[in-house]
Structures are given as C-alpha cells and as structure tokens.
C-alpha cells in the first residue's frame, strides 16, 4: 500500500516539489514545496488518497523554499494577535532538562492565573505530547484550515510530534523545518493566550536564530546544569539571543542538587551555583534552581508533570518561584 500511495503522490507533483512522503499507523504525511500551498492539485490529491486509503488520515505540510528562507528584518514576522506574550525556553546544548523545565514553567504560569500555551518547537526531538499525556492522539480540525490545540491540565499545546510517528526522524534542513513550524504555529486555533512558552530546539544554529527572529519572542529563559561544560554552551545561548535583540529573562539552574531520601544528605552531583555565578558575571538575572529528583523525571515520562501531579511538593514550588519572577 505504501508504494501505491507514493506512486499516486508522484503522479500529481514532480520530485523537486516533494520533500517527503511518510506512511505509518494509518497516517499519510506529505511535505511539499511552499509555493504549492494554493495549488488546486493539493485538494485533488487529498481526495484521490482518501479514495485509495479511506481509513487513513491525510496531512499535507508545506515548507519554505531555500531561495526565500533567509531572514530579512523588513519581512513580516509570524504573528497570532491573540497571543499577548511569548517566552522562549532555550539551552545551549541538549540533555539539560530544557523541555521538562519548559512544560513545568508553563503549568506554573497557568497556576498563577494566566491563560497559557506551550508550543513545541523542538522539531528534532518533540517531547511535549509524551510529557503532557496525549501521545498518539490525532490532531483535530473542524474547518479543514485550523487545527485545535490539545488542552491538558489547563494548558493549550501543539507539537510537530503530533503529526509524525515517534520513531520517525525528521531529516529536514533549517529552512524546511522552520517552514513546517510556521505553518503549525499560524494554523493552530490558539484562542486568547496571555503567555505562550516555546520549547526551543537546543543549540544556537540556523533554526534557533530564524525562530527567534520570526516569532516575535519577548524574552528568553536559558536552562543549564551547574557543570562547566553546560555553562559554556549556556553563555553562547545568552549571547545568541542578545545579538538578535531578544531580551534575556534570566538563567535557570536545572539538576542543581540532590537530596538523599534515606539520609537527607545533599549531593551537588554536577557542581553547584555555576549558573548563578555565570548569570552574575554576565549581568543577567538568576531565576532559580531546580533539584535533581526521580519524581520530576518519572512524572514527565508518565505524562503528569510535577507541577500538576504534586503541586504542593518542594519541586513544584521551585518552578512556581521562577514563574512568579517571569
């Protein structure tokens, strides 16, 4: 069946117009060039695929062309007027707990009375669907133009992870990845949002720069662990945002310390206060420290983040203190 689907798509569009054709779990996701977005052939293809595989969900994503992907300041930025403020949660490197921090901060901001959303822009490692407990749930659209955000624990969210199989890697260059994220961001029916948290991809490359410039980000939160190797990259993250004109809200030290549940002894496994010292040296705010604890990890894996599942715990209160500063 997969070969038949691909042959049908290729009968409508040339190889240069087709970026990818994904078939899995009764879903078909086709990635086409951005200049085909208004083509009548797209609807014709959807109808033909619906007849070929009537029980499959058909999705078409359009990506930016290389020649139009470079950012120019005079270009119109991505804009959803109903979103009042956007806060990016970023890190200079992966593995520092950025996504877990982003989700718990979003939930903490919601607990403080804000209409809050989280947009999963970590396109190569989307984890929001897993951490918010709606992995494998299909995206819903009532009008065929806008998709509905998922709503869990009082938080609205959307992720590219809801459109692809969790085991399927996205082998996209920066321009194509940004094109897909732009479509997903602009074509989600967010409604009125006081603050949106954006879970950024780790690092300081092309996609991070383009997202930061195009999304009208108001402030950036940098997440790091206390160890020197992570702080080196955190400094790069701070400097990247400052160079492109995005204010820094502050630095968060994640996995800051560990308290033994049996003896109560404190262990600074990755060192301690490194992020705080770095923030002081750079003249940036230190927003707070998050401990290393199995409950934070387990609840994230189970789709019940700690701020929701254990709101009175010291770990949830640590996120709330940071959210209050934001």
C-alpha atoms as a PDB file:
ATOM      1  CA  UNK A   1       0.000   0.000   0.000  1.00  0.00           C
ATOM      2  CA  UNK A   2       2.852   2.397   0.801  1.00  0.00           C
ATOM      3  CA  UNK A   3       4.243   2.091  -2.732  1.00  0.00           C
ATOM      4  CA  UNK A   4       0.790   2.798  -4.202  1.00  0.00           C
ATOM      5  CA  UNK A   5       0.460   5.928  -2.072  1.00  0.00           C
ATOM      6  CA  UNK A   6       3.865   7.185  -3.184  1.00  0.00           C
ATOM      7  CA  UNK A   7       3.094   6.497  -6.835  1.00  0.00           C
ATOM      8  CA  UNK A   8      -0.153   8.429  -6.542  1.00  0.00           C
ATOM      9  CA  UNK A   9       1.570  11.444  -4.959  1.00  0.00           C
ATOM     10  CA  UNK A  10       4.296  11.367  -7.606  1.00  0.00           C
ATOM     11  CA  UNK A  11       1.658  11.368 -10.335  1.00  0.00           C
ATOM     12  CA  UNK A  12       0.480  14.788  -9.113  1.00  0.00           C
ATOM     13  CA  UNK A  13       3.777  16.512  -8.303  1.00  0.00           C
ATOM     14  CA  UNK A  14       7.352  16.409  -9.563  1.00  0.00           C
ATOM     15  CA  UNK A  15      10.210  15.040  -7.478  1.00  0.00           C
ATOM     16  CA  UNK A  16      11.567  18.577  -6.924  1.00  0.00           C
ATOM     17  CA  UNK A  17       8.251  19.624  -5.346  1.00  0.00           C
ATOM     18  CA  UNK A  18       8.033  16.640  -2.970  1.00  0.00           C
ATOM     19  CA  UNK A  19      10.211  16.770   0.119  1.00  0.00           C
ATOM     20  CA  UNK A  20       8.940  13.618   1.823  1.00  0.00           C
ATOM     21  CA  UNK A  21       6.114  11.080   1.891  1.00  0.00           C
ATOM     22  CA  UNK A  22       5.521   9.392   5.230  1.00  0.00           C
ATOM     23  CA  UNK A  23       3.171   6.443   5.716  1.00  0.00           C
ATOM     24  CA  UNK A  24       2.684   4.916   9.169  1.00  0.00           C
ATOM     25  CA  UNK A  25      -0.050   3.877  11.580  1.00  0.00           C
ATOM     26  CA  UNK A  26      -2.847   4.651   9.086  1.00  0.00           C
ATOM     27  CA  UNK A  27      -1.500   8.157   8.535  1.00  0.00           C
ATOM     28  CA  UNK A  28      -0.070   9.795   5.433  1.00  0.00           C
ATOM     29  CA  UNK A  29       2.044  12.952   5.819  1.00  0.00           C
ATOM     30  CA  UNK A  30       3.226  14.623   2.620  1.00  0.00           C
ATOM     31  CA  UNK A  31       5.687  17.512   2.658  1.00  0.00           C
ATOM     32  CA  UNK A  32       5.507  19.782  -0.408  1.00  0.00           C
ATOM     33  CA  UNK A  33       7.187  22.976  -1.522  1.00  0.00           C
ATOM     34  CA  UNK A  34       5.724  26.166  -0.052  1.00  0.00           C
ATOM     35  CA  UNK A  35       4.831  27.540  -3.491  1.00  0.00           C
ATOM     36  CA  UNK A  36       2.246  24.758  -3.909  1.00  0.00           C
ATOM     37  CA  UNK A  37       0.200  25.820  -0.883  1.00  0.00           C
ATOM     38  CA  UNK A  38      -2.579  27.349  -3.003  1.00  0.00           C
ATOM     39  CA  UNK A  39      -2.485  24.776  -5.780  1.00  0.00           C
ATOM     40  CA  UNK A  40      -5.804  23.127  -6.613  1.00  0.00           C
ATOM     41  CA  UNK A  41      -3.872  19.910  -7.200  1.00  0.00           C
ATOM     42  CA  UNK A  42      -3.333  19.607  -3.439  1.00  0.00           C
ATOM     43  CA  UNK A  43      -7.055  19.152  -2.790  1.00  0.00           C
ATOM     44  CA  UNK A  44      -7.321  16.817  -5.766  1.00  0.00           C
ATOM     45  CA  UNK A  45      -4.502  14.713  -4.323  1.00  0.00           C
ATOM     46  CA  UNK A  46      -6.183  14.578  -0.895  1.00  0.00           C
ATOM     47  CA  UNK A  47      -9.412  13.370  -2.468  1.00  0.00           C
ATOM     48  CA  UNK A  48      -7.594  10.743  -4.525  1.00  0.00           C
ATOM     49  CA  UNK A  49      -5.730   9.496  -1.440  1.00  0.00           C
ATOM     50  CA  UNK A  50      -8.979   9.373   0.539  1.00  0.00           C
ATOM     51  CA  UNK A  51     -10.396   7.076  -2.111  1.00  0.00           C
ATOM     52  CA  UNK A  52      -7.256   4.929  -2.190  1.00  0.00           C
ATOM     53  CA  UNK A  53      -6.948   4.631   1.604  1.00  0.00           C
ATOM     54  CA  UNK A  54     -10.314   5.711   3.056  1.00  0.00           C
ATOM     55  CA  UNK A  55      -9.373   4.834   6.642  1.00  0.00           C
ATOM     56  CA  UNK A  56      -6.126   6.824   6.648  1.00  0.00           C
ATOM     57  CA  UNK A  57      -5.630  10.375   7.985  1.00  0.00           C
ATOM     58  CA  UNK A  58      -4.138  12.593   5.259  1.00  0.00           C
ATOM     59  CA  UNK A  59      -1.917  15.573   6.173  1.00  0.00           C
ATOM     60  CA  UNK A  60      -0.051  17.915   3.806  1.00  0.00           C
ATOM     61  CA  UNK A  61       2.718  20.177   5.126  1.00  0.00           C
ATOM     62  CA  UNK A  62       4.340  22.978   3.115  1.00  0.00           C
ATOM     63  CA  UNK A  63       7.942  24.021   3.666  1.00  0.00           C
ATOM     64  CA  UNK A  64       9.845  27.152   2.723  1.00  0.00           C
ATOM     65  CA  UNK A  65      11.980  27.255  -0.401  1.00  0.00           C
ATOM     66  CA  UNK A  66      15.712  27.719   0.074  1.00  0.00           C
ATOM     67  CA  UNK A  67      15.784  30.874  -2.024  1.00  0.00           C
ATOM     68  CA  UNK A  68      13.169  32.548   0.205  1.00  0.00           C
ATOM     69  CA  UNK A  69      14.229  31.164   3.569  1.00  0.00           C
ATOM     70  CA  UNK A  70      16.803  33.791   4.590  1.00  0.00           C
ATOM     71  CA  UNK A  71      15.571  36.224   7.196  1.00  0.00           C
ATOM     72  CA  UNK A  72      15.304  39.915   6.395  1.00  0.00           C
ATOM     73  CA  UNK A  73      14.318  42.394   9.105  1.00  0.00           C
ATOM     74  CA  UNK A  74      11.729  44.046   6.889  1.00  0.00           C
ATOM     75  CA  UNK A  75       9.873  40.759   6.363  1.00  0.00           C
ATOM     76  CA  UNK A  76       6.630  40.235   8.209  1.00  0.00           C
ATOM     77  CA  UNK A  77       7.096  38.059  11.284  1.00  0.00           C
ATOM     78  CA  UNK A  78       4.913  35.170  12.338  1.00  0.00           C
ATOM     79  CA  UNK A  79       2.003  36.641  14.163  1.00  0.00           C
ATOM     80  CA  UNK A  80      -1.013  35.436  16.105  1.00  0.00           C
ATOM     81  CA  UNK A  81      -2.642  38.592  17.512  1.00  0.00           C
ATOM     82  CA  UNK A  82      -4.457  36.683  20.268  1.00  0.00           C
ATOM     83  CA  UNK A  83      -1.128  35.732  21.885  1.00  0.00           C
ATOM     84  CA  UNK A  84      -0.005  38.573  24.177  1.00  0.00           C
ATOM     85  CA  UNK A  85       3.492  37.448  25.172  1.00  0.00           C
ATOM     86  CA  UNK A  86       5.936  34.761  24.035  1.00  0.00           C
ATOM     87  CA  UNK A  87       8.691  33.369  26.261  1.00  0.00           C
ATOM     88  CA  UNK A  88      11.290  31.058  24.747  1.00  0.00           C
ATOM     89  CA  UNK A  89      12.844  28.357  26.925  1.00  0.00           C
ATOM     90  CA  UNK A  90      16.203  27.504  25.389  1.00  0.00           C
ATOM     91  CA  UNK A  91      19.546  25.886  26.101  1.00  0.00           C
ATOM     92  CA  UNK A  92      22.950  25.991  24.504  1.00  0.00           C
ATOM     93  CA  UNK A  93      23.072  22.188  24.417  1.00  0.00           C
ATOM     94  CA  UNK A  94      20.796  19.190  24.763  1.00  0.00           C
ATOM     95  CA  UNK A  95      20.401  17.000  27.831  1.00  0.00           C
ATOM     96  CA  UNK A  96      19.973  19.744  30.429  1.00  0.00           C
ATOM     97  CA  UNK A  97      16.230  19.216  31.003  1.00  0.00           C
ATOM     98  CA  UNK A  98      15.008  22.102  28.853  1.00  0.00           C
ATOM     99  CA  UNK A  99      11.712  20.504  27.788  1.00  0.00           C
ATOM    100  CA  UNK A 100      10.835  19.369  31.309  1.00  0.00           C
ATOM    101  CA  UNK A 101      11.577  22.869  32.540  1.00  0.00           C
ATOM    102  CA  UNK A 102       9.503  24.462  29.758  1.00  0.00           C
ATOM    103  CA  UNK A 103       6.431  22.334  30.488  1.00  0.00           C
ATOM    104  CA  UNK A 104       6.543  22.791  34.251  1.00  0.00           C
ATOM    105  CA  UNK A 105       7.100  26.540  33.890  1.00  0.00           C
ATOM    106  CA  UNK A 106       4.108  26.739  31.539  1.00  0.00           C
ATOM    107  CA  UNK A 107       1.965  24.873  34.075  1.00  0.00           C
ATOM    108  CA  UNK A 108       3.246  27.128  36.852  1.00  0.00           C
ATOM    109  CA  UNK A 109       2.351  30.238  34.833  1.00  0.00           C
ATOM    110  CA  UNK A 110      -1.111  28.756  34.308  1.00  0.00           C
ATOM    111  CA  UNK A 111      -1.480  28.157  38.062  1.00  0.00           C
ATOM    112  CA  UNK A 112      -0.730  31.844  38.602  1.00  0.00           C
ATOM    113  CA  UNK A 113      -3.878  32.723  36.655  1.00  0.00           C
ATOM    114  CA  UNK A 114      -2.543  33.189  33.124  1.00  0.00           C
ATOM    115  CA  UNK A 115      -4.139  31.723  30.018  1.00  0.00           C
ATOM    116  CA  UNK A 116      -1.091  29.740  28.991  1.00  0.00           C
ATOM    117  CA  UNK A 117       0.020  27.706  25.988  1.00  0.00           C
ATOM    118  CA  UNK A 118       3.160  25.791  25.076  1.00  0.00           C
ATOM    119  CA  UNK A 119       4.417  25.438  21.511  1.00  0.00           C
ATOM    120  CA  UNK A 120       6.843  22.572  20.931  1.00  0.00           C
ATOM    121  CA  UNK A 121       9.411  23.974  18.502  1.00  0.00           C
ATOM    122  CA  UNK A 122      11.977  21.280  19.335  1.00  0.00           C
ATOM    123  CA  UNK A 123      11.337  19.811  15.913  1.00  0.00           C
ATOM    124  CA  UNK A 124      14.025  17.114  16.006  1.00  0.00           C
ATOM    125  CA  UNK A 125      13.118  15.881  19.496  1.00  0.00           C
ATOM    126  CA  UNK A 126       9.498  16.812  20.234  1.00  0.00           C
ATOM    127  CA  UNK A 127       8.591  15.571  23.717  1.00  0.00           C
ATOM    128  CA  UNK A 128       5.596  17.722  24.708  1.00  0.00           C
ATOM    129  CA  UNK A 129       2.981  15.108  23.625  1.00  0.00           C
ATOM    130  CA  UNK A 130       4.643  12.500  25.856  1.00  0.00           C
ATOM    131  CA  UNK A 131       5.080  14.795  28.838  1.00  0.00           C
ATOM    132  CA  UNK A 132       1.503  16.097  28.641  1.00  0.00           C
ATOM    133  CA  UNK A 133      -0.013  12.653  28.156  1.00  0.00           C
ATOM    134  CA  UNK A 134      -1.555  12.872  24.677  1.00  0.00           C
ATOM    135  CA  UNK A 135       0.976  10.920  22.646  1.00  0.00           C
ATOM    136  CA  UNK A 136      -0.648   9.039  19.714  1.00  0.00           C
ATOM    137  CA  UNK A 137      -3.801  11.171  19.855  1.00  0.00           C
ATOM    138  CA  UNK A 138      -4.686  12.573  16.406  1.00  0.00           C
ATOM    139  CA  UNK A 139      -4.792  16.273  15.603  1.00  0.00           C
ATOM    140  CA  UNK A 140      -8.346  17.598  15.115  1.00  0.00           C
ATOM    141  CA  UNK A 141      -9.538  20.250  12.649  1.00  0.00           C
ATOM    142  CA  UNK A 142     -13.174  21.378  12.489  1.00  0.00           C
ATOM    143  CA  UNK A 143     -12.886  23.551   9.365  1.00  0.00           C
ATOM    144  CA  UNK A 144     -10.019  21.964   7.427  1.00  0.00           C
ATOM    145  CA  UNK A 145      -7.958  25.156   7.842  1.00  0.00           C
ATOM    146  CA  UNK A 146      -7.020  25.403  11.517  1.00  0.00           C
ATOM    147  CA  UNK A 147      -6.132  22.602  13.919  1.00  0.00           C
ATOM    148  CA  UNK A 148      -7.280  22.572  17.518  1.00  0.00           C
ATOM    149  CA  UNK A 149      -4.604  22.740  20.210  1.00  0.00           C
ATOM    150  CA  UNK A 150      -4.509  19.955  22.748  1.00  0.00           C
ATOM    151  CA  UNK A 151      -5.770  21.023  26.172  1.00  0.00           C
ATOM    152  CA  UNK A 152      -4.378  19.213  29.217  1.00  0.00           C
ATOM    153  CA  UNK A 153      -4.118  20.367  32.830  1.00  0.00           C
ATOM    154  CA  UNK A 154      -5.439  23.814  31.826  1.00  0.00           C
ATOM    155  CA  UNK A 155      -2.666  24.214  29.270  1.00  0.00           C
ATOM    156  CA  UNK A 156      -3.040  24.530  25.483  1.00  0.00           C
ATOM    157  CA  UNK A 157      -0.304  22.970  23.386  1.00  0.00           C
ATOM    158  CA  UNK A 158       0.741  21.910  19.921  1.00  0.00           C
ATOM    159  CA  UNK A 159       3.730  19.913  18.697  1.00  0.00           C
ATOM    160  CA  UNK A 160       5.114  18.601  15.424  1.00  0.00           C
ATOM    161  CA  UNK A 161       5.348  15.345  17.383  1.00  0.00           C
ATOM    162  CA  UNK A 162       1.570  15.002  16.991  1.00  0.00           C
ATOM    163  CA  UNK A 163       1.952  14.786  13.203  1.00  0.00           C
ATOM    164  CA  UNK A 164       4.729  12.212  12.969  1.00  0.00           C
ATOM    165  CA  UNK A 165       5.440   8.781  14.378  1.00  0.00           C
ATOM    166  CA  UNK A 166       7.640   8.939  17.490  1.00  0.00           C
ATOM    167  CA  UNK A 167      10.244   6.652  15.871  1.00  0.00           C
ATOM    168  CA  UNK A 168      10.406   8.604  12.595  1.00  0.00           C
ATOM    169  CA  UNK A 169      13.324  11.083  12.421  1.00  0.00           C
ATOM    170  CA  UNK A 170      12.741  14.424  10.680  1.00  0.00           C
ATOM    171  CA  UNK A 171      15.651  14.745   8.263  1.00  0.00           C
ATOM    172  CA  UNK A 172      14.969  18.384   7.400  1.00  0.00           C
ATOM    173  CA  UNK A 173      17.334  21.285   6.986  1.00  0.00           C
ATOM    174  CA  UNK A 174      16.669  24.518   8.854  1.00  0.00           C
ATOM    175  CA  UNK A 175      14.597  26.228   6.154  1.00  0.00           C
ATOM    176  CA  UNK A 176      12.210  23.313   5.751  1.00  0.00           C
ATOM    177  CA  UNK A 177      11.908  22.793   9.496  1.00  0.00           C
ATOM    178  CA  UNK A 178      11.071  26.474  10.021  1.00  0.00           C
ATOM    179  CA  UNK A 179       8.509  26.337   7.217  1.00  0.00           C
ATOM    180  CA  UNK A 180       6.721  23.448   8.891  1.00  0.00           C
ATOM    181  CA  UNK A 181       6.832  25.148  12.301  1.00  0.00           C
ATOM    182  CA  UNK A 182       5.487  28.392  10.838  1.00  0.00           C
ATOM    183  CA  UNK A 183       2.519  26.581   9.336  1.00  0.00           C
ATOM    184  CA  UNK A 184       1.810  24.708  12.560  1.00  0.00           C
ATOM    185  CA  UNK A 185       2.128  27.876  14.666  1.00  0.00           C
ATOM    186  CA  UNK A 186      -0.038  30.064  12.425  1.00  0.00           C
ATOM    187  CA  UNK A 187      -2.658  27.411  11.672  1.00  0.00           C
ATOM    188  CA  UNK A 188      -3.416  26.372  15.247  1.00  0.00           C
ATOM    189  CA  UNK A 189      -6.579  27.845  16.734  1.00  0.00           C
ATOM    190  CA  UNK A 190      -4.915  29.132  19.900  1.00  0.00           C
ATOM    191  CA  UNK A 191      -7.653  31.478  21.109  1.00  0.00           C
ATOM    192  CA  UNK A 192      -6.831  34.149  23.693  1.00  0.00           C
ATOM    193  CA  UNK A 193      -3.429  33.460  25.284  1.00  0.00           C
ATOM    194  CA  UNK A 194      -1.752  35.617  27.950  1.00  0.00           C
ATOM    195  CA  UNK A 195       1.628  33.911  27.673  1.00  0.00           C
ATOM    196  CA  UNK A 196       2.992  31.249  25.338  1.00  0.00           C
ATOM    197  CA  UNK A 197       6.040  29.213  26.313  1.00  0.00           C
ATOM    198  CA  UNK A 198       8.086  27.980  23.350  1.00  0.00           C
ATOM    199  CA  UNK A 199      10.195  24.868  23.872  1.00  0.00           C
ATOM    200  CA  UNK A 200      13.107  25.749  21.572  1.00  0.00           C
ATOM    201  CA  UNK A 201      15.469  23.273  19.886  1.00  0.00           C
ATOM    202  CA  UNK A 202      18.774  23.077  21.793  1.00  0.00           C
ATOM    203  CA  UNK A 203      21.789  24.888  20.391  1.00  0.00           C
ATOM    204  CA  UNK A 204      22.493  28.153  18.584  1.00  0.00           C
ATOM    205  CA  UNK A 205      22.211  27.230  14.910  1.00  0.00           C
ATOM    206  CA  UNK A 206      20.205  28.435  11.930  1.00  0.00           C
ATOM    207  CA  UNK A 207      16.822  27.137  13.074  1.00  0.00           C
ATOM    208  CA  UNK A 208      17.176  28.703  16.541  1.00  0.00           C
ATOM    209  CA  UNK A 209      18.125  32.075  15.052  1.00  0.00           C
ATOM    210  CA  UNK A 210      15.297  32.022  12.499  1.00  0.00           C
ATOM    211  CA  UNK A 211      12.687  31.040  15.095  1.00  0.00           C
ATOM    212  CA  UNK A 212      13.870  33.752  17.484  1.00  0.00           C
ATOM    213  CA  UNK A 213      13.634  36.417  14.801  1.00  0.00           C
ATOM    214  CA  UNK A 214      10.360  35.328  13.234  1.00  0.00           C
ATOM    215  CA  UNK A 215       8.217  34.509  16.282  1.00  0.00           C
ATOM    216  CA  UNK A 216       8.306  37.923  17.993  1.00  0.00           C
ATOM    217  CA  UNK A 217       9.760  36.396  21.161  1.00  0.00           C
ATOM    218  CA  UNK A 218       9.507  38.810  24.083  1.00  0.00           C
ATOM    219  CA  UNK A 219      12.025  37.142  26.406  1.00  0.00           C
ATOM    220  CA  UNK A 220      14.216  34.064  26.609  1.00  0.00           C
ATOM    221  CA  UNK A 221      14.876  31.786  29.577  1.00  0.00           C
ATOM    222  CA  UNK A 222      18.167  29.875  29.402  1.00  0.00           C
ATOM    223  CA  UNK A 223      18.341  26.460  31.080  1.00  0.00           C
ATOM    224  CA  UNK A 224      21.660  24.963  32.173  1.00  0.00           C
ATOM    225  CA  UNK A 225      23.030  22.443  34.624  1.00  0.00           C
ATOM    226  CA  UNK A 226      25.726  23.606  37.095  1.00  0.00           C
ATOM    227  CA  UNK A 227      28.619  21.836  35.364  1.00  0.00           C
ATOM    228  CA  UNK A 228      31.165  23.891  33.452  1.00  0.00           C
ATOM    229  CA  UNK A 229      30.661  22.144  30.109  1.00  0.00           C
ATOM    230  CA  UNK A 230      26.963  23.039  30.123  1.00  0.00           C
ATOM    231  CA  UNK A 231      27.592  26.604  31.280  1.00  0.00           C
ATOM    232  CA  UNK A 232      29.938  27.232  28.366  1.00  0.00           C
ATOM    233  CA  UNK A 233      27.066  26.495  25.982  1.00  0.00           C
ATOM    234  CA  UNK A 234      24.579  28.423  28.128  1.00  0.00           C
ATOM    235  CA  UNK A 235      26.722  31.533  27.703  1.00  0.00           C
ATOM    236  CA  UNK A 236      26.583  31.011  23.938  1.00  0.00           C
ATOM    237  CA  UNK A 237      22.782  30.784  24.150  1.00  0.00           C
ATOM    238  CA  UNK A 238      22.580  34.052  26.089  1.00  0.00           C
ATOM    239  CA  UNK A 239      24.849  35.805  23.605  1.00  0.00           C
ATOM    240  CA  UNK A 240      22.890  34.489  20.601  1.00  0.00           C
ATOM    241  CA  UNK A 241      19.620  35.961  21.866  1.00  0.00           C
ATOM    242  CA  UNK A 242      21.265  39.266  22.779  1.00  0.00           C
ATOM    243  CA  UNK A 243      22.827  39.585  19.324  1.00  0.00           C
ATOM    244  CA  UNK A 244      19.457  39.235  17.612  1.00  0.00           C
ATOM    245  CA  UNK A 245      17.717  41.582  20.013  1.00  0.00           C
ATOM    246  CA  UNK A 246      15.780  39.171  22.254  1.00  0.00           C
ATOM    247  CA  UNK A 247      15.915  40.197  25.948  1.00  0.00           C
ATOM    248  CA  UNK A 248      17.058  37.576  28.454  1.00  0.00           C
ATOM    249  CA  UNK A 249      14.563  36.922  31.246  1.00  0.00           C
ATOM    250  CA  UNK A 250      17.197  35.019  33.172  1.00  0.00           C
ATOM    251  CA  UNK A 251      19.032  31.731  33.704  1.00  0.00           C
ATOM    252  CA  UNK A 252      17.656  28.612  35.415  1.00  0.00           C
ATOM    253  CA  UNK A 253      19.956  26.047  37.031  1.00  0.00           C
ATOM    254  CA  UNK A 254      18.388  22.615  36.482  1.00  0.00           C
ATOM    255  CA  UNK A 255      19.561  19.417  38.243  1.00  0.00           C
ATOM    256  CA  UNK A 256      21.055  21.808  40.749  1.00  0.00           C
ATOM    257  CA  UNK A 257      21.416  19.376  43.671  1.00  0.00           C
ATOM    258  CA  UNK A 258      20.168  16.051  45.007  1.00  0.00           C
ATOM    259  CA  UNK A 259      18.774  15.302  48.473  1.00  0.00           C
ATOM    260  CA  UNK A 260      19.114  11.673  49.544  1.00  0.00           C
ATOM    261  CA  UNK A 261      15.686  10.366  50.536  1.00  0.00           C
ATOM    262  CA  UNK A 262      17.194   7.959  53.081  1.00  0.00           C
ATOM    263  CA  UNK A 263      19.731  10.074  54.922  1.00  0.00           C
ATOM    264  CA  UNK A 264      18.806  13.622  53.918  1.00  0.00           C
ATOM    265  CA  UNK A 265      22.345  14.423  52.815  1.00  0.00           C
ATOM    266  CA  UNK A 266      22.734  16.891  49.970  1.00  0.00           C
ATOM    267  CA  UNK A 267      24.897  15.986  46.971  1.00  0.00           C
ATOM    268  CA  UNK A 268      25.930  18.525  44.342  1.00  0.00           C
ATOM    269  CA  UNK A 269      26.328  15.914  41.632  1.00  0.00           C
ATOM    270  CA  UNK A 270      27.002  18.332  38.783  1.00  0.00           C
ATOM    271  CA  UNK A 271      28.582  21.024  40.939  1.00  0.00           C
ATOM    272  CA  UNK A 272      26.515  23.868  42.384  1.00  0.00           C
ATOM    273  CA  UNK A 273      25.734  27.546  41.809  1.00  0.00           C
ATOM    274  CA  UNK A 274      27.565  27.550  38.492  1.00  0.00           C
ATOM    275  CA  UNK A 275      24.574  29.059  36.687  1.00  0.00           C
ATOM    276  CA  UNK A 276      24.118  31.673  39.402  1.00  0.00           C
ATOM    277  CA  UNK A 277      27.756  32.749  39.204  1.00  0.00           C
ATOM    278  CA  UNK A 278      27.589  32.803  35.411  1.00  0.00           C
ATOM    279  CA  UNK A 279      24.437  34.953  35.492  1.00  0.00           C
ATOM    280  CA  UNK A 280      26.147  37.428  37.830  1.00  0.00           C
ATOM    281  CA  UNK A 281      29.220  37.643  35.608  1.00  0.00           C
ATOM    282  CA  UNK A 282      27.053  38.313  32.539  1.00  0.00           C
ATOM    283  CA  UNK A 283      24.806  40.816  34.292  1.00  0.00           C
ATOM    284  CA  UNK A 284      21.732  38.602  33.841  1.00  0.00           C
ATOM    285  CA  UNK A 285      19.071  37.546  36.354  1.00  0.00           C
ATOM    286  CA  UNK A 286      19.367  34.213  38.100  1.00  0.00           C
ATOM    287  CA  UNK A 287      15.817  32.892  38.194  1.00  0.00           C
ATOM    288  CA  UNK A 288      16.332  29.921  40.495  1.00  0.00           C
ATOM    289  CA  UNK A 289      17.433  26.329  40.883  1.00  0.00           C
ATOM    290  CA  UNK A 290      15.562  23.086  40.220  1.00  0.00           C
ATOM    291  CA  UNK A 291      16.719  19.980  42.141  1.00  0.00           C
ATOM    292  CA  UNK A 292      17.507  16.627  40.591  1.00  0.00           C
ATOM    293  CA  UNK A 293      14.825  14.197  41.722  1.00  0.00           C
ATOM    294  CA  UNK A 294      13.307  10.995  40.405  1.00  0.00           C
ATOM    295  CA  UNK A 295       9.755  12.331  40.883  1.00  0.00           C
ATOM    296  CA  UNK A 296      10.364  15.088  38.313  1.00  0.00           C
ATOM    297  CA  UNK A 297      11.651  12.581  35.778  1.00  0.00           C
ATOM    298  CA  UNK A 298       9.007   9.915  36.452  1.00  0.00           C
ATOM    299  CA  UNK A 299       6.084  12.311  36.197  1.00  0.00           C
ATOM    300  CA  UNK A 300       7.428  13.796  32.975  1.00  0.00           C
ATOM    301  CA  UNK A 301       7.727  10.314  31.452  1.00  0.00           C
ATOM    302  CA  UNK A 302       4.220   9.384  32.628  1.00  0.00           C
ATOM    303  CA  UNK A 303       2.570  12.471  31.157  1.00  0.00           C
ATOM    304  CA  UNK A 304       1.781  14.007  34.565  1.00  0.00           C
ATOM    305  CA  UNK A 305       4.293  16.845  35.126  1.00  0.00           C
ATOM    306  CA  UNK A 306       5.301  17.514  38.698  1.00  0.00           C
ATOM    307  CA  UNK A 307       3.627  20.953  38.902  1.00  0.00           C
ATOM    308  CA  UNK A 308       0.319  19.272  38.100  1.00  0.00           C
ATOM    309  CA  UNK A 309       0.695  15.940  39.884  1.00  0.00           C
ATOM    310  CA  UNK A 310       2.387  17.153  43.081  1.00  0.00           C
ATOM    311  CA  UNK A 311       1.526  20.874  43.292  1.00  0.00           C
ATOM    312  CA  UNK A 312       2.446  21.185  46.974  1.00  0.00           C
ATOM    313  CA  UNK A 313       5.821  19.473  46.660  1.00  0.00           C
ATOM    314  CA  UNK A 314       9.058  21.415  47.047  1.00  0.00           C
ATOM    315  CA  UNK A 315       9.868  20.591  43.428  1.00  0.00           C
ATOM    316  CA  UNK A 316       6.647  22.163  42.121  1.00  0.00           C
ATOM    317  CA  UNK A 317       7.232  25.200  44.353  1.00  0.00           C
ATOM    318  CA  UNK A 318      10.666  25.663  42.778  1.00  0.00           C
ATOM    319  CA  UNK A 319       9.041  26.069  39.351  1.00  0.00           C
ATOM    320  CA  UNK A 320       6.376  28.366  40.796  1.00  0.00           C
ATOM    321  CA  UNK A 321       9.019  30.699  42.278  1.00  0.00           C
ATOM    322  CA  UNK A 322      10.593  31.036  38.835  1.00  0.00           C
ATOM    323  CA  UNK A 323       7.192  31.582  37.200  1.00  0.00           C
ATOM    324  CA  UNK A 324       6.406  34.341  39.704  1.00  0.00           C
ATOM    325  CA  UNK A 325       9.551  36.192  38.632  1.00  0.00           C
ATOM    326  CA  UNK A 326       8.635  35.814  34.979  1.00  0.00           C
END
